[in-house]
């Protein structure tokens, strides 16, 4: 049976607007000790939204990504503000980024990225029954919104512009949820 290690001496060794870099001493149940470092973002986590214009058409965005220094094809995403639920944050991000809100929001899963050293959590949300709406967001430039077909997902995931693993996983999840919705209808 797994017994969670004991963490001690958790120290912030560097802080930015987006991350705290922490050092921590870890003692495992067998007595082994190690020092780990992790990125611990402030705040309430993030959302990644799969906006479905219809059961086949997903709306995606091209957005500049500083980590890769290029425009990446991805799904709508953003931080969860204080006092917001993940579903409220998902709808707000949709309205700000792509000019649509959703009447039906379905939480699919919470995902991590590189959990060995990063503690951020992203809530994956399927957005259906969209309606036009808009609000100013925090993007530095207008985002390019493009349509893709879930029936072409196997080709889309090999597109060189789509490299974000969260978006790829979320698209497969959405395709399966929508398939299940149709088979139970």
N, C-alpha and C. Protein backbone atom coordinates (compact mmCIF):
# COMPACT_ATOMS: atom_id res chain seq x y z
N UNK A 1 0.84 -1.18 0.00
CA UNK A 1 0.00 0.00 0.00
C UNK A 1 0.88 1.24 0.00
N UNK A 2 0.53 2.22 -0.82
CA UNK A 2 1.30 3.45 -0.88
C UNK A 2 1.05 4.32 0.33
N UNK A 3 2.15 4.77 0.92
CA UNK A 3 2.05 5.73 2.02
C UNK A 3 2.72 7.01 1.54
N UNK A 4 1.98 8.10 1.59
CA UNK A 4 2.48 9.38 1.11
C UNK A 4 3.70 9.82 1.91
N UNK A 5 4.73 10.34 1.23
CA UNK A 5 5.91 10.83 1.94
C UNK A 5 5.59 12.04 2.81
N UNK A 6 6.47 12.31 3.75
CA UNK A 6 6.36 13.48 4.61
C UNK A 6 7.16 14.62 4.00
N UNK A 7 6.53 15.80 3.89
CA UNK A 7 7.20 16.98 3.36
C UNK A 7 7.57 17.90 4.51
N UNK A 8 8.80 18.38 4.49
CA UNK A 8 9.24 19.35 5.49
C UNK A 8 10.11 20.40 4.80
N UNK A 9 10.36 21.46 5.52
CA UNK A 9 11.26 22.52 5.06
C UNK A 9 10.86 23.04 3.67
N UNK A 10 9.56 23.29 3.47
CA UNK A 10 9.10 23.84 2.19
C UNK A 10 9.45 25.33 2.16
N UNK A 11 10.26 25.71 1.18
CA UNK A 11 10.79 27.07 1.12
C UNK A 11 10.63 27.63 -0.28
N UNK A 12 10.12 28.87 -0.39
CA UNK A 12 10.10 29.54 -1.68
C UNK A 12 11.52 30.01 -1.98
N UNK A 13 12.09 29.54 -3.11
CA UNK A 13 13.45 29.95 -3.46
C UNK A 13 13.46 31.01 -4.57
N UNK A 14 12.32 31.17 -5.24
CA UNK A 14 12.17 32.24 -6.24
C UNK A 14 10.68 32.43 -6.49
N UNK A 15 10.29 33.66 -6.77
CA UNK A 15 8.88 33.97 -7.01
C UNK A 15 8.78 34.88 -8.22
N UNK A 16 7.84 34.55 -9.12
CA UNK A 16 7.52 35.40 -10.26
C UNK A 16 6.04 35.72 -10.20
N UNK A 17 5.55 36.40 -11.23
CA UNK A 17 4.10 36.67 -11.29
C UNK A 17 3.30 35.39 -11.44
N UNK A 18 3.89 34.35 -12.05
CA UNK A 18 3.15 33.14 -12.37
C UNK A 18 3.51 31.93 -11.52
N UNK A 19 4.69 31.91 -10.92
CA UNK A 19 5.12 30.72 -10.19
C UNK A 19 5.89 31.07 -8.93
N UNK A 20 5.78 30.17 -7.97
CA UNK A 20 6.70 30.10 -6.85
C UNK A 20 7.56 28.87 -7.11
N UNK A 21 8.86 29.02 -7.05
CA UNK A 21 9.73 27.85 -7.14
C UNK A 21 10.05 27.47 -5.70
N UNK A 22 9.66 26.26 -5.33
CA UNK A 22 9.82 25.82 -3.96
C UNK A 22 10.81 24.66 -3.87
N UNK A 23 11.52 24.66 -2.79
CA UNK A 23 12.39 23.54 -2.42
C UNK A 23 11.71 22.85 -1.25
N UNK A 24 11.81 21.53 -1.18
CA UNK A 24 11.19 20.82 -0.07
C UNK A 24 11.95 19.53 0.20
N UNK A 25 12.02 19.19 1.46
CA UNK A 25 12.61 17.92 1.87
C UNK A 25 11.51 16.87 1.91
N UNK A 26 11.80 15.72 1.32
CA UNK A 26 10.81 14.65 1.21
C UNK A 26 11.37 13.40 1.89
N UNK A 27 10.62 12.85 2.83
CA UNK A 27 11.01 11.60 3.47
C UNK A 27 9.98 10.53 3.14
N UNK A 28 10.46 9.45 2.51
CA UNK A 28 9.60 8.35 2.08
C UNK A 28 9.38 7.37 3.24
N UNK A 29 8.37 6.53 3.12
CA UNK A 29 8.00 5.61 4.20
C UNK A 29 9.11 4.62 4.53
N UNK A 30 10.04 4.39 3.60
CA UNK A 30 11.15 3.48 3.86
C UNK A 30 12.36 4.20 4.48
N UNK A 31 12.20 5.50 4.80
CA UNK A 31 13.27 6.25 5.43
C UNK A 31 14.16 7.03 4.47
N UNK A 32 14.05 6.76 3.19
CA UNK A 32 14.85 7.49 2.20
C UNK A 32 14.45 8.96 2.19
N UNK A 33 15.46 9.83 2.04
CA UNK A 33 15.20 11.27 2.02
C UNK A 33 15.76 11.87 0.73
N UNK A 34 15.03 12.82 0.20
CA UNK A 34 15.44 13.53 -1.01
C UNK A 34 15.02 14.98 -0.89
N UNK A 35 15.65 15.82 -1.68
CA UNK A 35 15.21 17.20 -1.80
C UNK A 35 14.60 17.36 -3.19
N UNK A 36 13.38 17.89 -3.23
CA UNK A 36 12.68 18.12 -4.48
C UNK A 36 12.51 19.62 -4.68
N UNK A 37 12.32 20.00 -5.94
CA UNK A 37 11.91 21.36 -6.27
C UNK A 37 10.65 21.25 -7.11
N UNK A 38 9.78 22.25 -6.94
CA UNK A 38 8.54 22.24 -7.72
C UNK A 38 8.14 23.67 -8.07
N UNK A 39 7.40 23.77 -9.17
CA UNK A 39 6.76 25.02 -9.55
C UNK A 39 5.37 25.00 -8.95
N UNK A 40 5.06 26.00 -8.17
CA UNK A 40 3.74 26.06 -7.53
C UNK A 40 3.11 27.40 -7.89
N UNK A 41 2.17 27.37 -8.84
CA UNK A 41 1.55 28.63 -9.24
C UNK A 41 0.61 29.15 -8.16
N UNK A 42 0.51 30.47 -8.04
CA UNK A 42 -0.47 31.01 -7.11
C UNK A 42 -1.87 30.86 -7.71
N UNK A 43 -2.88 31.01 -6.91
CA UNK A 43 -4.22 31.05 -7.46
C UNK A 43 -4.99 29.76 -7.34
N UNK A 44 -6.02 29.64 -8.18
CA UNK A 44 -7.03 28.60 -8.05
C UNK A 44 -7.00 27.57 -9.16
N UNK A 45 -5.94 27.51 -9.92
CA UNK A 45 -5.87 26.60 -11.03
C UNK A 45 -6.35 27.26 -12.32
N UNK A 46 -6.57 26.45 -13.32
CA UNK A 46 -6.93 26.96 -14.64
C UNK A 46 -8.02 26.09 -15.25
N UNK A 47 -8.59 26.61 -16.34
CA UNK A 47 -9.55 25.85 -17.13
C UNK A 47 -9.04 25.76 -18.56
N UNK A 48 -9.42 24.69 -19.21
CA UNK A 48 -9.20 24.52 -20.64
C UNK A 48 -10.55 24.08 -21.19
N UNK A 49 -11.05 24.79 -22.19
CA UNK A 49 -12.42 24.63 -22.65
C UNK A 49 -12.45 24.11 -24.08
N UNK A 50 -13.31 23.12 -24.33
CA UNK A 50 -13.53 22.59 -25.67
C UNK A 50 -14.86 23.17 -26.16
N UNK A 51 -14.83 24.29 -26.90
CA UNK A 51 -16.08 24.91 -27.36
C UNK A 51 -16.58 24.26 -28.65
N UNK A 52 -17.76 23.65 -28.56
CA UNK A 52 -18.33 22.95 -29.70
C UNK A 52 -19.42 23.80 -30.34
N UNK A 53 -19.18 24.26 -31.56
CA UNK A 53 -20.16 25.04 -32.30
C UNK A 53 -21.38 24.17 -32.63
N UNK A 54 -21.11 22.91 -32.94
CA UNK A 54 -22.12 21.87 -33.09
C UNK A 54 -21.43 20.57 -32.67
N UNK A 55 -22.08 19.43 -32.83
CA UNK A 55 -21.48 18.18 -32.34
C UNK A 55 -20.24 17.75 -33.11
N UNK A 56 -19.94 18.42 -34.19
CA UNK A 56 -18.80 18.05 -35.02
C UNK A 56 -17.73 19.14 -35.06
N UNK A 57 -18.08 20.40 -34.81
CA UNK A 57 -17.17 21.52 -35.06
C UNK A 57 -16.67 22.13 -33.75
N UNK A 58 -15.37 22.06 -33.56
CA UNK A 58 -14.74 22.65 -32.38
C UNK A 58 -14.10 23.98 -32.79
N UNK A 59 -14.23 24.97 -31.92
CA UNK A 59 -13.60 26.27 -32.14
C UNK A 59 -12.27 26.30 -31.39
N UNK A 60 -11.21 26.58 -32.13
CA UNK A 60 -9.87 26.64 -31.55
C UNK A 60 -9.28 28.02 -31.82
N UNK A 61 -8.18 28.32 -31.16
CA UNK A 61 -7.55 29.63 -31.32
C UNK A 61 -6.07 29.48 -31.66
N UNK A 62 -5.57 30.49 -32.36
CA UNK A 62 -4.13 30.66 -32.50
C UNK A 62 -3.75 31.75 -31.52
N UNK A 63 -2.78 31.44 -30.65
CA UNK A 63 -2.36 32.37 -29.62
C UNK A 63 -0.85 32.30 -29.48
N UNK A 64 -0.22 33.47 -29.33
CA UNK A 64 1.23 33.48 -29.15
C UNK A 64 1.59 32.80 -27.84
N UNK A 65 2.59 31.93 -27.89
CA UNK A 65 3.05 31.20 -26.71
C UNK A 65 4.52 31.55 -26.46
N UNK A 66 4.79 32.18 -25.33
CA UNK A 66 6.15 32.59 -25.00
C UNK A 66 7.11 31.43 -24.84
N UNK A 67 6.62 30.30 -24.34
CA UNK A 67 7.49 29.14 -24.13
C UNK A 67 8.07 28.58 -25.42
N UNK A 68 7.30 28.61 -26.50
CA UNK A 68 7.78 28.10 -27.78
C UNK A 68 8.13 29.22 -28.75
N UNK A 69 7.81 30.47 -28.38
CA UNK A 69 8.07 31.65 -29.20
C UNK A 69 7.44 31.52 -30.59
N UNK A 70 6.18 31.12 -30.59
CA UNK A 70 5.45 31.02 -31.86
C UNK A 70 3.95 30.99 -31.57
N UNK A 71 3.16 31.11 -32.62
CA UNK A 71 1.71 30.99 -32.48
C UNK A 71 1.36 29.51 -32.47
N UNK A 72 0.61 29.12 -31.46
CA UNK A 72 0.20 27.74 -31.28
C UNK A 72 -1.31 27.63 -31.46
N UNK A 73 -1.75 26.53 -32.05
CA UNK A 73 -3.16 26.19 -32.15
C UNK A 73 -3.55 25.49 -30.86
N UNK A 74 -4.58 25.99 -30.20
CA UNK A 74 -4.96 25.42 -28.91
C UNK A 74 -6.43 25.67 -28.63
N UNK A 75 -6.87 25.18 -27.51
CA UNK A 75 -8.22 25.43 -27.03
C UNK A 75 -8.20 26.63 -26.10
N UNK A 76 -9.36 27.20 -25.89
CA UNK A 76 -9.52 28.33 -24.98
C UNK A 76 -9.08 27.90 -23.58
N UNK A 77 -8.36 28.79 -22.90
CA UNK A 77 -7.89 28.46 -21.57
C UNK A 77 -7.64 29.72 -20.77
N UNK A 78 -7.55 29.57 -19.45
CA UNK A 78 -7.25 30.71 -18.60
C UNK A 78 -7.34 30.36 -17.13
N UNK A 79 -6.92 31.31 -16.31
CA UNK A 79 -6.92 31.12 -14.86
C UNK A 79 -8.33 31.20 -14.30
N UNK A 80 -8.53 30.52 -13.19
CA UNK A 80 -9.78 30.62 -12.43
C UNK A 80 -9.60 31.77 -11.45
N UNK A 81 -10.45 32.78 -11.57
CA UNK A 81 -10.37 33.95 -10.69
C UNK A 81 -10.91 33.61 -9.31
N UNK A 82 -10.51 34.41 -8.31
CA UNK A 82 -11.03 34.23 -6.96
C UNK A 82 -12.55 34.30 -6.97
N UNK A 83 -13.19 33.37 -6.29
CA UNK A 83 -14.65 33.35 -6.19
C UNK A 83 -15.34 32.65 -7.34
N UNK A 84 -14.60 32.22 -8.35
CA UNK A 84 -15.20 31.53 -9.51
C UNK A 84 -15.09 30.03 -9.34
N UNK A 85 -16.09 29.32 -9.86
CA UNK A 85 -15.99 27.88 -10.02
C UNK A 85 -15.29 27.62 -11.35
N UNK A 86 -14.79 26.42 -11.56
CA UNK A 86 -14.21 26.11 -12.87
C UNK A 86 -15.20 26.32 -14.03
N UNK A 87 -16.48 26.00 -13.84
CA UNK A 87 -17.46 26.19 -14.92
C UNK A 87 -17.69 27.67 -15.20
N UNK A 88 -17.74 28.49 -14.16
CA UNK A 88 -17.89 29.94 -14.36
C UNK A 88 -16.67 30.51 -15.09
N UNK A 89 -15.49 30.07 -14.70
CA UNK A 89 -14.27 30.53 -15.36
C UNK A 89 -14.25 30.09 -16.82
N UNK A 90 -14.70 28.87 -17.08
CA UNK A 90 -14.74 28.37 -18.46
C UNK A 90 -15.63 29.25 -19.33
N UNK A 91 -16.81 29.58 -18.84
CA UNK A 91 -17.73 30.40 -19.62
C UNK A 91 -17.16 31.82 -19.82
N UNK A 92 -16.56 32.37 -18.78
CA UNK A 92 -15.96 33.71 -18.90
C UNK A 92 -14.84 33.70 -19.95
N UNK A 93 -13.98 32.70 -19.90
CA UNK A 93 -12.88 32.62 -20.87
C UNK A 93 -13.42 32.47 -22.30
N UNK A 94 -14.47 31.68 -22.48
CA UNK A 94 -15.09 31.54 -23.80
C UNK A 94 -15.55 32.90 -24.33
N UNK A 95 -16.25 33.62 -23.49
CA UNK A 95 -16.80 34.91 -23.90
C UNK A 95 -15.67 35.88 -24.23
N UNK A 96 -14.63 35.90 -23.42
CA UNK A 96 -13.51 36.82 -23.64
C UNK A 96 -12.67 36.44 -24.85
N UNK A 97 -12.43 35.15 -25.04
CA UNK A 97 -11.47 34.73 -26.06
C UNK A 97 -12.07 34.46 -27.43
N UNK A 98 -13.28 33.89 -27.48
CA UNK A 98 -13.80 33.53 -28.81
C UNK A 98 -15.14 34.17 -29.15
N UNK A 99 -15.71 34.93 -28.22
CA UNK A 99 -16.95 35.63 -28.53
C UNK A 99 -18.19 34.77 -28.46
N UNK A 100 -18.13 33.70 -27.66
CA UNK A 100 -19.28 32.83 -27.43
C UNK A 100 -19.36 32.49 -25.95
N UNK A 101 -20.57 32.31 -25.46
CA UNK A 101 -20.82 31.71 -24.17
C UNK A 101 -21.42 30.34 -24.41
N UNK A 102 -21.64 29.58 -23.34
CA UNK A 102 -22.20 28.23 -23.50
C UNK A 102 -23.37 28.04 -22.54
N UNK A 103 -24.46 27.47 -23.05
CA UNK A 103 -25.60 27.14 -22.20
C UNK A 103 -25.38 25.81 -21.48
N UNK A 104 -24.50 24.97 -22.03
CA UNK A 104 -24.23 23.66 -21.42
C UNK A 104 -22.72 23.52 -21.23
N UNK A 105 -22.31 23.43 -19.97
CA UNK A 105 -20.91 23.23 -19.61
C UNK A 105 -20.79 21.94 -18.83
N UNK A 106 -19.87 21.07 -19.24
CA UNK A 106 -19.69 19.78 -18.59
C UNK A 106 -18.25 19.63 -18.15
N UNK A 107 -18.03 19.46 -16.85
CA UNK A 107 -16.69 19.19 -16.33
C UNK A 107 -16.30 17.77 -16.74
N UNK A 108 -15.11 17.62 -17.34
CA UNK A 108 -14.67 16.30 -17.78
C UNK A 108 -13.62 15.70 -16.86
N UNK A 109 -12.62 16.51 -16.48
CA UNK A 109 -11.52 15.94 -15.70
C UNK A 109 -10.57 17.05 -15.28
N UNK A 110 -9.90 16.87 -14.14
CA UNK A 110 -8.80 17.74 -13.75
C UNK A 110 -7.51 17.06 -14.19
N UNK A 111 -6.64 17.84 -14.84
CA UNK A 111 -5.39 17.29 -15.36
C UNK A 111 -4.20 18.06 -14.80
N UNK A 112 -3.08 17.38 -14.70
CA UNK A 112 -1.83 18.04 -14.31
C UNK A 112 -0.88 18.03 -15.49
N UNK A 113 0.13 18.85 -15.39
CA UNK A 113 1.20 18.89 -16.39
C UNK A 113 2.49 18.62 -15.65
N UNK A 114 3.25 17.65 -16.06
CA UNK A 114 4.54 17.34 -15.44
C UNK A 114 4.44 17.31 -13.91
N UNK A 115 3.62 16.40 -13.35
CA UNK A 115 3.39 16.41 -11.91
C UNK A 115 4.62 16.09 -11.07
N UNK A 116 5.68 15.64 -11.68
CA UNK A 116 6.91 15.39 -10.94
C UNK A 116 7.52 16.66 -10.38
N UNK A 117 7.26 17.79 -11.03
CA UNK A 117 7.83 19.04 -10.53
C UNK A 117 6.91 20.24 -10.66
N UNK A 118 5.70 20.04 -11.12
CA UNK A 118 4.78 21.17 -11.29
C UNK A 118 3.45 20.83 -10.63
N UNK A 119 2.90 21.77 -9.85
CA UNK A 119 1.69 21.46 -9.09
C UNK A 119 0.43 22.10 -9.66
N UNK A 120 0.48 22.62 -10.87
CA UNK A 120 -0.71 23.26 -11.44
C UNK A 120 -1.74 22.22 -11.87
N UNK A 121 -3.01 22.61 -11.76
CA UNK A 121 -4.13 21.75 -12.15
C UNK A 121 -4.98 22.50 -13.16
N UNK A 122 -5.35 21.81 -14.23
CA UNK A 122 -6.22 22.38 -15.26
C UNK A 122 -7.52 21.58 -15.30
N UNK A 123 -8.63 22.28 -15.21
CA UNK A 123 -9.96 21.65 -15.26
C UNK A 123 -10.43 21.67 -16.71
N UNK A 124 -10.70 20.50 -17.26
CA UNK A 124 -11.13 20.36 -18.65
C UNK A 124 -12.65 20.43 -18.69
N UNK A 125 -13.18 21.34 -19.54
CA UNK A 125 -14.62 21.59 -19.60
C UNK A 125 -15.09 21.53 -21.05
N UNK A 126 -16.14 20.76 -21.30
CA UNK A 126 -16.79 20.70 -22.60
C UNK A 126 -17.89 21.75 -22.63
N UNK A 127 -17.86 22.61 -23.65
CA UNK A 127 -18.85 23.68 -23.78
C UNK A 127 -19.71 23.40 -25.01
N UNK A 128 -21.03 23.30 -24.80
CA UNK A 128 -21.96 23.02 -25.89
C UNK A 128 -23.11 24.02 -25.85
N UNK A 129 -23.88 24.02 -26.91
CA UNK A 129 -25.02 24.93 -27.03
C UNK A 129 -24.54 26.37 -26.87
N UNK A 130 -23.64 26.76 -27.79
CA UNK A 130 -23.01 28.07 -27.74
C UNK A 130 -23.95 29.17 -28.21
N UNK A 131 -23.73 30.37 -27.69
CA UNK A 131 -24.45 31.57 -28.13
C UNK A 131 -23.44 32.70 -28.20
N UNK A 132 -23.69 33.65 -29.10
CA UNK A 132 -22.76 34.77 -29.27
C UNK A 132 -22.81 35.70 -28.06
N UNK A 133 -21.62 36.08 -27.60
CA UNK A 133 -21.47 37.01 -26.49
C UNK A 133 -20.02 37.48 -26.52
N UNK A 134 -19.75 38.63 -25.96
CA UNK A 134 -18.36 39.07 -25.95
C UNK A 134 -18.10 39.94 -24.72
N UNK A 135 -16.85 39.93 -24.30
CA UNK A 135 -16.38 40.76 -23.20
C UNK A 135 -14.89 40.93 -23.40
N UNK A 136 -14.36 42.03 -22.90
CA UNK A 136 -12.93 42.27 -23.03
C UNK A 136 -12.18 41.37 -22.06
N UNK A 137 -11.15 40.72 -22.57
CA UNK A 137 -10.33 39.85 -21.74
C UNK A 137 -8.97 40.46 -21.51
N UNK A 138 -8.01 39.62 -21.16
CA UNK A 138 -6.66 40.11 -20.87
C UNK A 138 -5.65 39.79 -21.97
N UNK A 139 -6.13 39.37 -23.13
CA UNK A 139 -5.23 39.04 -24.23
C UNK A 139 -4.60 40.32 -24.78
N UNK A 140 -3.31 40.27 -25.12
CA UNK A 140 -2.64 41.46 -25.63
C UNK A 140 -2.99 41.79 -27.08
N UNK A 141 -3.60 40.86 -27.78
CA UNK A 141 -4.00 41.07 -29.17
C UNK A 141 -5.21 40.19 -29.47
N UNK A 142 -5.98 40.53 -30.50
CA UNK A 142 -7.12 39.67 -30.85
C UNK A 142 -6.64 38.26 -31.21
N UNK A 143 -7.41 37.27 -30.79
CA UNK A 143 -7.07 35.89 -31.09
C UNK A 143 -7.73 35.46 -32.38
N UNK A 144 -7.03 34.67 -33.16
CA UNK A 144 -7.59 34.11 -34.39
C UNK A 144 -8.37 32.85 -34.01
N UNK A 145 -9.67 32.84 -34.30
CA UNK A 145 -10.53 31.69 -34.01
C UNK A 145 -10.70 30.89 -35.29
N UNK A 146 -10.47 29.57 -35.21
CA UNK A 146 -10.60 28.69 -36.37
C UNK A 146 -11.47 27.50 -36.02
N UNK A 147 -12.13 26.96 -37.02
CA UNK A 147 -12.99 25.78 -36.85
C UNK A 147 -12.25 24.54 -37.30
N UNK A 148 -12.43 23.45 -36.56
CA UNK A 148 -11.90 22.15 -36.95
C UNK A 148 -12.99 21.10 -36.70
N UNK A 149 -12.94 20.03 -37.45
CA UNK A 149 -13.92 18.95 -37.35
C UNK A 149 -13.36 17.81 -36.50
N UNK A 150 -14.15 17.35 -35.54
CA UNK A 150 -13.71 16.21 -34.73
C UNK A 150 -13.51 14.96 -35.57
N UNK A 151 -14.22 14.85 -36.68
CA UNK A 151 -14.05 13.69 -37.56
C UNK A 151 -12.65 13.66 -38.18
N UNK A 152 -11.96 14.79 -38.15
CA UNK A 152 -10.60 14.86 -38.69
C UNK A 152 -9.56 14.95 -37.58
N UNK A 153 -9.91 14.50 -36.38
CA UNK A 153 -9.04 14.63 -35.21
C UNK A 153 -7.70 13.92 -35.40
N UNK A 154 -7.72 12.74 -35.99
CA UNK A 154 -6.47 11.99 -36.16
C UNK A 154 -5.48 12.75 -37.04
N UNK A 155 -5.96 13.53 -37.98
CA UNK A 155 -5.09 14.38 -38.80
C UNK A 155 -4.70 15.63 -38.04
N UNK A 156 -5.64 16.22 -37.34
CA UNK A 156 -5.41 17.46 -36.62
C UNK A 156 -4.31 17.31 -35.57
N UNK A 157 -4.28 16.20 -34.85
CA UNK A 157 -3.29 16.06 -33.77
C UNK A 157 -1.86 15.99 -34.30
N UNK A 158 -1.69 15.74 -35.60
CA UNK A 158 -0.35 15.74 -36.19
C UNK A 158 -0.02 17.07 -36.86
N UNK A 159 -0.92 18.04 -36.78
CA UNK A 159 -0.66 19.37 -37.30
C UNK A 159 0.47 19.99 -36.48
N UNK A 160 1.50 20.52 -37.13
CA UNK A 160 2.65 21.08 -36.43
C UNK A 160 2.29 22.28 -35.56
N UNK A 161 1.15 22.92 -35.80
CA UNK A 161 0.73 24.06 -34.99
C UNK A 161 0.08 23.64 -33.67
N UNK A 162 -0.33 22.38 -33.57
CA UNK A 162 -1.00 21.86 -32.37
C UNK A 162 -0.02 20.97 -31.61
N UNK A 163 0.62 21.53 -30.58
CA UNK A 163 1.61 20.76 -29.82
C UNK A 163 1.25 20.62 -28.35
N UNK A 164 0.26 21.36 -27.88
CA UNK A 164 -0.06 21.33 -26.46
C UNK A 164 -0.79 20.04 -26.10
N UNK A 165 -0.19 19.27 -25.22
CA UNK A 165 -0.73 17.96 -24.85
C UNK A 165 -2.11 18.06 -24.21
N UNK A 166 -2.35 19.11 -23.40
CA UNK A 166 -3.67 19.26 -22.77
C UNK A 166 -4.76 19.41 -23.82
N UNK A 167 -4.51 20.21 -24.84
CA UNK A 167 -5.51 20.41 -25.90
C UNK A 167 -5.77 19.11 -26.65
N UNK A 168 -4.69 18.38 -26.96
CA UNK A 168 -4.85 17.12 -27.70
C UNK A 168 -5.66 16.12 -26.88
N UNK A 169 -5.32 15.96 -25.60
CA UNK A 169 -6.06 15.03 -24.74
C UNK A 169 -7.52 15.45 -24.61
N UNK A 170 -7.75 16.76 -24.44
CA UNK A 170 -9.11 17.26 -24.26
C UNK A 170 -9.96 17.02 -25.51
N UNK A 171 -9.37 17.16 -26.69
CA UNK A 171 -10.11 16.91 -27.93
C UNK A 171 -10.56 15.46 -28.01
N UNK A 172 -9.68 14.53 -27.66
CA UNK A 172 -10.07 13.11 -27.66
C UNK A 172 -11.17 12.85 -26.63
N UNK A 173 -11.06 13.47 -25.47
CA UNK A 173 -12.08 13.30 -24.45
C UNK A 173 -13.42 13.82 -24.94
N UNK A 174 -13.42 14.99 -25.55
CA UNK A 174 -14.67 15.59 -26.05
C UNK A 174 -15.30 14.70 -27.12
N UNK A 175 -14.48 14.19 -28.01
CA UNK A 175 -15.01 13.33 -29.08
C UNK A 175 -15.73 12.12 -28.49
N UNK A 176 -15.14 11.52 -27.46
CA UNK A 176 -15.75 10.35 -26.84
C UNK A 176 -17.01 10.71 -26.07
N UNK A 177 -17.01 11.83 -25.34
CA UNK A 177 -18.21 12.26 -24.59
C UNK A 177 -19.36 12.53 -25.56
N UNK A 178 -19.08 13.19 -26.65
CA UNK A 178 -20.13 13.49 -27.64
C UNK A 178 -20.64 12.20 -28.27
N UNK A 179 -19.74 11.25 -28.54
CA UNK A 179 -20.16 9.94 -29.08
C UNK A 179 -21.10 9.25 -28.09
N UNK A 180 -20.77 9.31 -26.80
CA UNK A 180 -21.61 8.68 -25.78
C UNK A 180 -22.95 9.39 -25.66
N UNK A 181 -22.95 10.72 -25.80
CA UNK A 181 -24.21 11.47 -25.76
C UNK A 181 -25.15 11.01 -26.89
N UNK A 182 -24.59 10.76 -28.07
CA UNK A 182 -25.40 10.32 -29.20
C UNK A 182 -25.89 8.89 -29.04
N UNK A 183 -25.05 8.03 -28.44
CA UNK A 183 -25.46 6.62 -28.30
C UNK A 183 -26.51 6.45 -27.21
N UNK A 184 -26.57 7.38 -26.24
CA UNK A 184 -27.59 7.27 -25.19
C UNK A 184 -28.86 8.04 -25.52
N UNK A 185 -28.83 8.81 -26.61
CA UNK A 185 -30.01 9.59 -26.98
C UNK A 185 -31.03 8.78 -27.73
